[in-house]
């Protein structure tokens, strides 16, 4: 069963066990075609937005933070 699941993930081009960083995994999965737009919903202070800017420099990134308590800083 585990071999079948691993085969499915490999087919879907997921990197299993190589990194714990979800953003790097997304970069690897999308390496063949950079996304045109990225929506960062729940942007908080902008750390993830900054990482998306680094990994996907040609993409337009839309960041939203629904809570006014968050102190969003410009990246």
PDB file of N, CA and C in Angstrom:
ATOM      1  N   UNK A   1       0.822  -1.196   0.000  1.00  0.00           N
ATOM      2  CA  UNK A   1       0.000   0.000   0.000  1.00  0.00           C
ATOM      3  C   UNK A   1       0.868   1.262   0.000  1.00  0.00           C
ATOM      4  N   UNK A   2       1.905   1.279   0.835  1.00  0.00           N
ATOM      5  CA  UNK A   2       2.770   2.458   0.916  1.00  0.00           C
ATOM      6  C   UNK A   2       3.454   2.731  -0.421  1.00  0.00           C
ATOM      7  N   UNK A   3       3.853   1.660  -1.120  1.00  0.00           N
ATOM      8  CA  UNK A   3       4.483   1.809  -2.429  1.00  0.00           C
ATOM      9  C   UNK A   3       3.541   2.420  -3.446  1.00  0.00           C
ATOM     10  N   UNK A   4       2.276   2.046  -3.380  1.00  0.00           N
ATOM     11  CA  UNK A   4       1.276   2.599  -4.292  1.00  0.00           C
ATOM     12  C   UNK A   4       1.073   4.080  -4.035  1.00  0.00           C
ATOM     13  N   UNK A   5       0.966   4.453  -2.770  1.00  0.00           N
ATOM     14  CA  UNK A   5       0.799   5.866  -2.407  1.00  0.00           C
ATOM     15  C   UNK A   5       2.011   6.669  -2.846  1.00  0.00           C
ATOM     16  N   UNK A   6       3.201   6.143  -2.608  1.00  0.00           N
ATOM     17  CA  UNK A   6       4.426   6.838  -3.018  1.00  0.00           C
ATOM     18  C   UNK A   6       4.465   6.998  -4.542  1.00  0.00           C
ATOM     19  N   UNK A   7       4.038   5.988  -5.277  1.00  0.00           N
ATOM     20  CA  UNK A   7       4.000   6.073  -6.740  1.00  0.00           C
ATOM     21  C   UNK A   7       3.049   7.162  -7.207  1.00  0.00           C
ATOM     22  N   UNK A   8       1.911   7.273  -6.549  1.00  0.00           N
ATOM     23  CA  UNK A   8       0.939   8.311  -6.904  1.00  0.00           C
ATOM     24  C   UNK A   8       1.539   9.688  -6.663  1.00  0.00           C
ATOM     25  N   UNK A   9       2.181   9.883  -5.513  1.00  0.00           N
ATOM     26  CA  UNK A   9       2.801  11.170  -5.219  1.00  0.00           C
ATOM     27  C   UNK A   9       3.912  11.489  -6.216  1.00  0.00           C
ATOM     28  N   UNK A  10       4.711  10.507  -6.576  1.00  0.00           N
ATOM     29  CA  UNK A  10       5.764  10.736  -7.574  1.00  0.00           C
ATOM     30  C   UNK A  10       5.158  11.110  -8.916  1.00  0.00           C
ATOM     31  N   UNK A  11       4.075  10.442  -9.266  1.00  0.00           N
ATOM     32  CA  UNK A  11       3.381  10.758 -10.515  1.00  0.00           C
ATOM     33  C   UNK A  11       2.911  12.213 -10.505  1.00  0.00           C
ATOM     34  N   UNK A  12       2.455  12.673  -9.371  1.00  0.00           N
ATOM     35  CA  UNK A  12       1.984  14.055  -9.235  1.00  0.00           C
ATOM     36  C   UNK A  12       3.133  15.042  -9.036  1.00  0.00           C
ATOM     37  N   UNK A  13       4.365  14.557  -9.071  1.00  0.00           N
ATOM     38  CA  UNK A  13       5.590  15.343  -8.981  1.00  0.00           C
ATOM     39  C   UNK A  13       5.836  15.968  -7.605  1.00  0.00           C
ATOM     40  N   UNK A  14       5.340  15.348  -6.561  1.00  0.00           N
ATOM     41  CA  UNK A  14       5.638  15.811  -5.215  1.00  0.00           C
ATOM     42  C   UNK A  14       6.996  15.280  -4.793  1.00  0.00           C
ATOM     43  N   UNK A  15       7.745  16.087  -4.072  1.00  0.00           N
ATOM     44  CA  UNK A  15       9.029  15.663  -3.520  1.00  0.00           C
ATOM     45  C   UNK A  15       8.768  15.181  -2.094  1.00  0.00           C
ATOM     46  N   UNK A  16       8.936  13.900  -1.875  1.00  0.00           N
ATOM     47  CA  UNK A  16       8.639  13.322  -0.570  1.00  0.00           C
ATOM     48  C   UNK A  16       9.900  13.270   0.276  1.00  0.00           C
ATOM     49  N   UNK A  17       9.842  13.888   1.448  1.00  0.00           N
ATOM     50  CA  UNK A  17      10.906  13.777   2.423  1.00  0.00           C
ATOM     51  C   UNK A  17      12.165  14.577   2.120  1.00  0.00           C
ATOM     52  N   UNK A  18      12.179  15.392   1.082  1.00  0.00           N
ATOM     53  CA  UNK A  18      13.382  16.144   0.769  1.00  0.00           C
ATOM     54  C   UNK A  18      13.485  17.450   1.553  1.00  0.00           C
ATOM     55  N   UNK A  19      12.366  18.030   1.878  1.00  0.00           N
ATOM     56  CA  UNK A  19      12.374  19.298   2.607  1.00  0.00           C
ATOM     57  C   UNK A  19      11.086  19.442   3.404  1.00  0.00           C
ATOM     58  N   UNK A  20      11.149  20.195   4.460  1.00  0.00           N
ATOM     59  CA  UNK A  20       9.957  20.465   5.254  1.00  0.00           C
ATOM     60  C   UNK A  20       9.347  21.807   4.866  1.00  0.00           C
ATOM     61  N   UNK A  21      10.031  22.582   4.031  1.00  0.00           N
ATOM     62  CA  UNK A  21       9.563  23.904   3.659  1.00  0.00           C
ATOM     63  C   UNK A  21       8.527  23.802   2.543  1.00  0.00           C
ATOM     64  N   UNK A  22       7.295  24.121   2.856  1.00  0.00           N
ATOM     65  CA  UNK A  22       6.206  24.005   1.887  1.00  0.00           C
ATOM     66  C   UNK A  22       6.407  24.911   0.683  1.00  0.00           C
ATOM     67  N   UNK A  23       6.999  26.081   0.878  1.00  0.00           N
ATOM     68  CA  UNK A  23       7.209  26.995  -0.245  1.00  0.00           C
ATOM     69  C   UNK A  23       8.222  26.436  -1.247  1.00  0.00           C
ATOM     70  N   UNK A  24       9.249  25.788  -0.745  1.00  0.00           N
ATOM     71  CA  UNK A  24      10.231  25.173  -1.646  1.00  0.00           C
ATOM     72  C   UNK A  24       9.584  24.021  -2.397  1.00  0.00           C
ATOM     73  N   UNK A  25       8.722  23.262  -1.738  1.00  0.00           N
ATOM     74  CA  UNK A  25       8.011  22.184  -2.416  1.00  0.00           C
ATOM     75  C   UNK A  25       7.114  22.750  -3.520  1.00  0.00           C
ATOM     76  N   UNK A  26       6.438  23.859  -3.235  1.00  0.00           N
ATOM     77  CA  UNK A  26       5.600  24.489  -4.258  1.00  0.00           C
ATOM     78  C   UNK A  26       6.448  24.956  -5.433  1.00  0.00           C
ATOM     79  N   UNK A  27       7.602  25.536  -5.144  1.00  0.00           N
ATOM     80  CA  UNK A  27       8.513  25.992  -6.196  1.00  0.00           C
ATOM     81  C   UNK A  27       8.928  24.818  -7.077  1.00  0.00           C
ATOM     82  N   UNK A  28       9.265  23.699  -6.465  1.00  0.00           N
ATOM     83  CA  UNK A  28       9.668  22.514  -7.219  1.00  0.00           C
ATOM     84  C   UNK A  28       8.532  21.979  -8.091  1.00  0.00           C
ATOM     85  N   UNK A  29       7.342  21.937  -7.541  1.00  0.00           N
ATOM     86  CA  UNK A  29       6.188  21.428  -8.274  1.00  0.00           C
ATOM     87  C   UNK A  29       5.874  22.331  -9.468  1.00  0.00           C
ATOM     88  N   UNK A  30       5.997  23.640  -9.274  1.00  0.00           N
ATOM     89  CA  UNK A  30       5.635  24.597 -10.320  1.00  0.00           C
ATOM     90  C   UNK A  30       6.823  25.033 -11.173  1.00  0.00           C
ATOM     91  N   UNK A  31       7.941  24.329 -11.077  1.00  0.00           N
ATOM     92  CA  UNK A  31       9.165  24.730 -11.771  1.00  0.00           C
ATOM     93  C   UNK A  31       9.002  24.794 -13.284  1.00  0.00           C
ATOM     94  N   UNK A  32       8.135  23.983 -13.828  1.00  0.00           N
ATOM     95  CA  UNK A  32       7.972  23.940 -15.284  1.00  0.00           C
ATOM     96  C   UNK A  32       7.211  25.140 -15.837  1.00  0.00           C
ATOM     97  N   UNK A  33       6.357  25.734 -15.024  1.00  0.00           N
ATOM     98  CA  UNK A  33       5.605  26.908 -15.470  1.00  0.00           C
ATOM     99  C   UNK A  33       5.320  27.802 -14.269  1.00  0.00           C
ATOM    100  N   UNK A  34       5.894  28.984 -14.286  1.00  0.00           N
ATOM    101  CA  UNK A  34       5.701  29.915 -13.172  1.00  0.00           C
ATOM    102  C   UNK A  34       4.259  30.419 -13.173  1.00  0.00           C
ATOM    103  N   UNK A  35       3.640  30.465 -11.978  1.00  0.00           N
ATOM    104  CA  UNK A  35       2.259  30.943 -11.914  1.00  0.00           C
ATOM    105  C   UNK A  35       2.165  32.410 -12.322  1.00  0.00           C
ATOM    106  N   UNK A  36       1.053  32.767 -12.951  1.00  0.00           N
ATOM    107  CA  UNK A  36       0.822  34.140 -13.373  1.00  0.00           C
ATOM    108  C   UNK A  36       0.410  34.982 -12.183  1.00  0.00           C
ATOM    109  N   UNK A  37      -0.428  34.422 -11.308  1.00  0.00           N
ATOM    110  CA  UNK A  37      -0.908  35.147 -10.129  1.00  0.00           C
ATOM    111  C   UNK A  37      -0.905  34.211  -8.933  1.00  0.00           C
ATOM    112  N   UNK A  38      -0.575  34.783  -7.777  1.00  0.00           N
ATOM    113  CA  UNK A  38      -0.593  34.045  -6.517  1.00  0.00           C
ATOM    114  C   UNK A  38      -1.441  34.845  -5.542  1.00  0.00           C
ATOM    115  N   UNK A  39      -2.341  34.177  -4.840  1.00  0.00           N
ATOM    116  CA  UNK A  39      -3.161  34.820  -3.834  1.00  0.00           C
ATOM    117  C   UNK A  39      -2.715  34.331  -2.461  1.00  0.00           C
ATOM    118  N   UNK A  40      -2.212  35.249  -1.661  1.00  0.00           N
ATOM    119  CA  UNK A  40      -1.802  34.938  -0.286  1.00  0.00           C
ATOM    120  C   UNK A  40      -2.904  35.454   0.631  1.00  0.00           C
ATOM    121  N   UNK A  41      -3.832  34.562   0.953  1.00  0.00           N
ATOM    122  CA  UNK A  41      -4.977  34.943   1.778  1.00  0.00           C
ATOM    123  C   UNK A  41      -4.652  34.600   3.222  1.00  0.00           C
ATOM    124  N   UNK A  42      -4.606  35.607   4.051  1.00  0.00           N
ATOM    125  CA  UNK A  42      -4.155  35.455   5.427  1.00  0.00           C
ATOM    126  C   UNK A  42      -2.693  35.846   5.497  1.00  0.00           C
ATOM    127  N   UNK A  43      -2.359  36.973   4.905  1.00  0.00           N
ATOM    128  CA  UNK A  43      -0.967  37.391   4.715  1.00  0.00           C
ATOM    129  C   UNK A  43      -0.246  37.782   6.000  1.00  0.00           C
ATOM    130  N   UNK A  44      -0.989  38.061   7.053  1.00  0.00           N
ATOM    131  CA  UNK A  44      -0.408  38.438   8.348  1.00  0.00           C
ATOM    132  C   UNK A  44       0.588  39.574   8.167  1.00  0.00           C
ATOM    133  N   UNK A  45       1.873  39.353   8.430  1.00  0.00           N
ATOM    134  CA  UNK A  45       2.854  40.444   8.335  1.00  0.00           C
ATOM    135  C   UNK A  45       3.654  40.411   7.041  1.00  0.00           C
ATOM    136  N   UNK A  46       3.365  39.474   6.147  1.00  0.00           N
ATOM    137  CA  UNK A  46       3.982  39.471   4.835  1.00  0.00           C
ATOM    138  C   UNK A  46       5.154  38.541   4.637  1.00  0.00           C
ATOM    139  N   UNK A  47       5.458  37.678   5.591  1.00  0.00           N
ATOM    140  CA  UNK A  47       6.594  36.760   5.437  1.00  0.00           C
ATOM    141  C   UNK A  47       6.418  35.806   4.256  1.00  0.00           C
ATOM    142  N   UNK A  48       5.239  35.225   4.125  1.00  0.00           N
ATOM    143  CA  UNK A  48       4.991  34.302   3.031  1.00  0.00           C
ATOM    144  C   UNK A  48       4.977  35.046   1.698  1.00  0.00           C
ATOM    145  N   UNK A  49       4.417  36.249   1.693  1.00  0.00           N
ATOM    146  CA  UNK A  49       4.420  37.069   0.484  1.00  0.00           C
ATOM    147  C   UNK A  49       5.850  37.351   0.036  1.00  0.00           C
ATOM    148  N   UNK A  50       6.732  37.647   0.964  1.00  0.00           N
ATOM    149  CA  UNK A  50       8.142  37.890   0.641  1.00  0.00           C
ATOM    150  C   UNK A  50       8.785  36.644   0.036  1.00  0.00           C
ATOM    151  N   UNK A  51       8.465  35.482   0.593  1.00  0.00           N
ATOM    152  CA  UNK A  51       9.021  34.234   0.062  1.00  0.00           C
ATOM    153  C   UNK A  51       8.489  33.954  -1.338  1.00  0.00           C
ATOM    154  N   UNK A  52       7.183  34.176  -1.554  1.00  0.00           N
ATOM    155  CA  UNK A  52       6.625  33.996  -2.901  1.00  0.00           C
ATOM    156  C   UNK A  52       7.293  34.941  -3.895  1.00  0.00           C
ATOM    157  N   UNK A  53       7.573  36.163  -3.467  1.00  0.00           N
ATOM    158  CA  UNK A  53       8.258  37.124  -4.330  1.00  0.00           C
ATOM    159  C   UNK A  53       9.638  36.609  -4.714  1.00  0.00           C
ATOM    160  N   UNK A  54      10.317  35.973  -3.772  1.00  0.00           N
ATOM    161  CA  UNK A  54      11.646  35.423  -4.024  1.00  0.00           C
ATOM    162  C   UNK A  54      11.582  34.229  -4.979  1.00  0.00           C
ATOM    163  N   UNK A  55      10.662  33.306  -4.729  1.00  0.00           N
ATOM    164  CA  UNK A  55      10.606  32.066  -5.495  1.00  0.00           C
ATOM    165  C   UNK A  55       9.893  32.207  -6.837  1.00  0.00           C
ATOM    166  N   UNK A  56       8.990  33.177  -6.947  1.00  0.00           N
ATOM    167  CA  UNK A  56       8.219  33.377  -8.173  1.00  0.00           C
ATOM    168  C   UNK A  56       8.284  34.846  -8.587  1.00  0.00           C
ATOM    169  N   UNK A  57       9.448  35.335  -8.984  1.00  0.00           N
ATOM    170  CA  UNK A  57       9.635  36.766  -9.233  1.00  0.00           C
ATOM    171  C   UNK A  57       8.816  37.336 -10.390  1.00  0.00           C
ATOM    172  N   UNK A  58       8.363  36.513 -11.315  1.00  0.00           N
ATOM    173  CA  UNK A  58       7.583  37.015 -12.452  1.00  0.00           C
ATOM    174  C   UNK A  58       6.081  36.994 -12.189  1.00  0.00           C
ATOM    175  N   UNK A  59       5.668  36.480 -11.055  1.00  0.00           N
ATOM    176  CA  UNK A  59       4.246  36.376 -10.727  1.00  0.00           C
ATOM    177  C   UNK A  59       3.737  37.653 -10.074  1.00  0.00           C
ATOM    178  N   UNK A  60       2.461  37.924 -10.280  1.00  0.00           N
ATOM    179  CA  UNK A  60       1.791  39.006  -9.567  1.00  0.00           C
ATOM    180  C   UNK A  60       1.221  38.392  -8.292  1.00  0.00           C
ATOM    181  N   UNK A  61       1.517  39.006  -7.152  1.00  0.00           N
ATOM    182  CA  UNK A  61       1.097  38.440  -5.867  1.00  0.00           C
ATOM    183  C   UNK A  61       0.089  39.370  -5.210  1.00  0.00           C
ATOM    184  N   UNK A  62      -1.069  38.809  -4.896  1.00  0.00           N
ATOM    185  CA  UNK A  62      -2.125  39.548  -4.211  1.00  0.00           C
ATOM    186  C   UNK A  62      -2.178  39.037  -2.775  1.00  0.00           C
ATOM    187  N   UNK A  63      -1.963  39.932  -1.823  1.00  0.00           N
ATOM    188  CA  UNK A  63      -1.940  39.543  -0.405  1.00  0.00           C
ATOM    189  C   UNK A  63      -3.124  40.169   0.320  1.00  0.00           C
ATOM    190  N   UNK A  64      -3.795  39.361   1.115  1.00  0.00           N
ATOM    191  CA  UNK A  64      -4.946  39.812   1.875  1.00  0.00           C
ATOM    192  C   UNK A  64      -4.785  39.392   3.326  1.00  0.00           C
ATOM    193  N   UNK A  65      -5.115  40.287   4.227  1.00  0.00           N
ATOM    194  CA  UNK A  65      -5.135  39.964   5.654  1.00  0.00           C
ATOM    195  C   UNK A  65      -6.469  40.431   6.213  1.00  0.00           C
ATOM    196  N   UNK A  66      -7.322  39.505   6.645  1.00  0.00           N
ATOM    197  CA  UNK A  66      -8.656  39.889   7.101  1.00  0.00           C
ATOM    198  C   UNK A  66      -8.700  40.518   8.492  1.00  0.00           C
ATOM    199  N   UNK A  67      -7.632  40.382   9.267  1.00  0.00           N
ATOM    200  CA  UNK A  67      -7.651  40.900  10.631  1.00  0.00           C
ATOM    201  C   UNK A  67      -6.881  42.203  10.722  1.00  0.00           C
ATOM    202  N   UNK A  68      -7.512  43.240  11.220  1.00  0.00           N
ATOM    203  CA  UNK A  68      -6.856  44.548  11.321  1.00  0.00           C
ATOM    204  C   UNK A  68      -5.773  44.561  12.388  1.00  0.00           C
ATOM    205  N   UNK A  69      -5.749  43.583  13.278  1.00  0.00           N
ATOM    206  CA  UNK A  69      -4.721  43.529  14.331  1.00  0.00           C
ATOM    207  C   UNK A  69      -3.326  43.251  13.768  1.00  0.00           C
ATOM    208  N   UNK A  70      -3.259  42.617  12.641  1.00  0.00           N
ATOM    209  CA  UNK A  70      -1.954  42.271  12.062  1.00  0.00           C
ATOM    210  C   UNK A  70      -1.277  43.536  11.565  1.00  0.00           C
ATOM    211  N   UNK A  71       0.006  43.628  11.849  1.00  0.00           N
ATOM    212  CA  UNK A  71       0.749  44.809  11.410  1.00  0.00           C
ATOM    213  C   UNK A  71       1.537  44.422  10.158  1.00  0.00           C
ATOM    214  N   UNK A  72       0.871  44.544   9.014  1.00  0.00           N
ATOM    215  CA  UNK A  72       1.488  44.193   7.729  1.00  0.00           C
ATOM    216  C   UNK A  72       2.604  45.183   7.415  1.00  0.00           C
ATOM    217  N   UNK A  73       3.751  44.660   7.034  1.00  0.00           N
ATOM    218  CA  UNK A  73       4.848  45.532   6.638  1.00  0.00           C
ATOM    219  C   UNK A  73       5.086  45.349   5.157  1.00  0.00           C
ATOM    220  N   UNK A  74       5.476  46.398   4.494  1.00  0.00           N
ATOM    221  CA  UNK A  74       5.716  46.354   3.063  1.00  0.00           C
ATOM    222  C   UNK A  74       6.941  45.505   2.777  1.00  0.00           C
ATOM    223  N   UNK A  75       6.860  44.655   1.745  1.00  0.00           N
ATOM    224  CA  UNK A  75       7.976  43.800   1.380  1.00  0.00           C
ATOM    225  C   UNK A  75       8.561  44.184   0.054  1.00  0.00           C
TER     226      UNK A  75
END
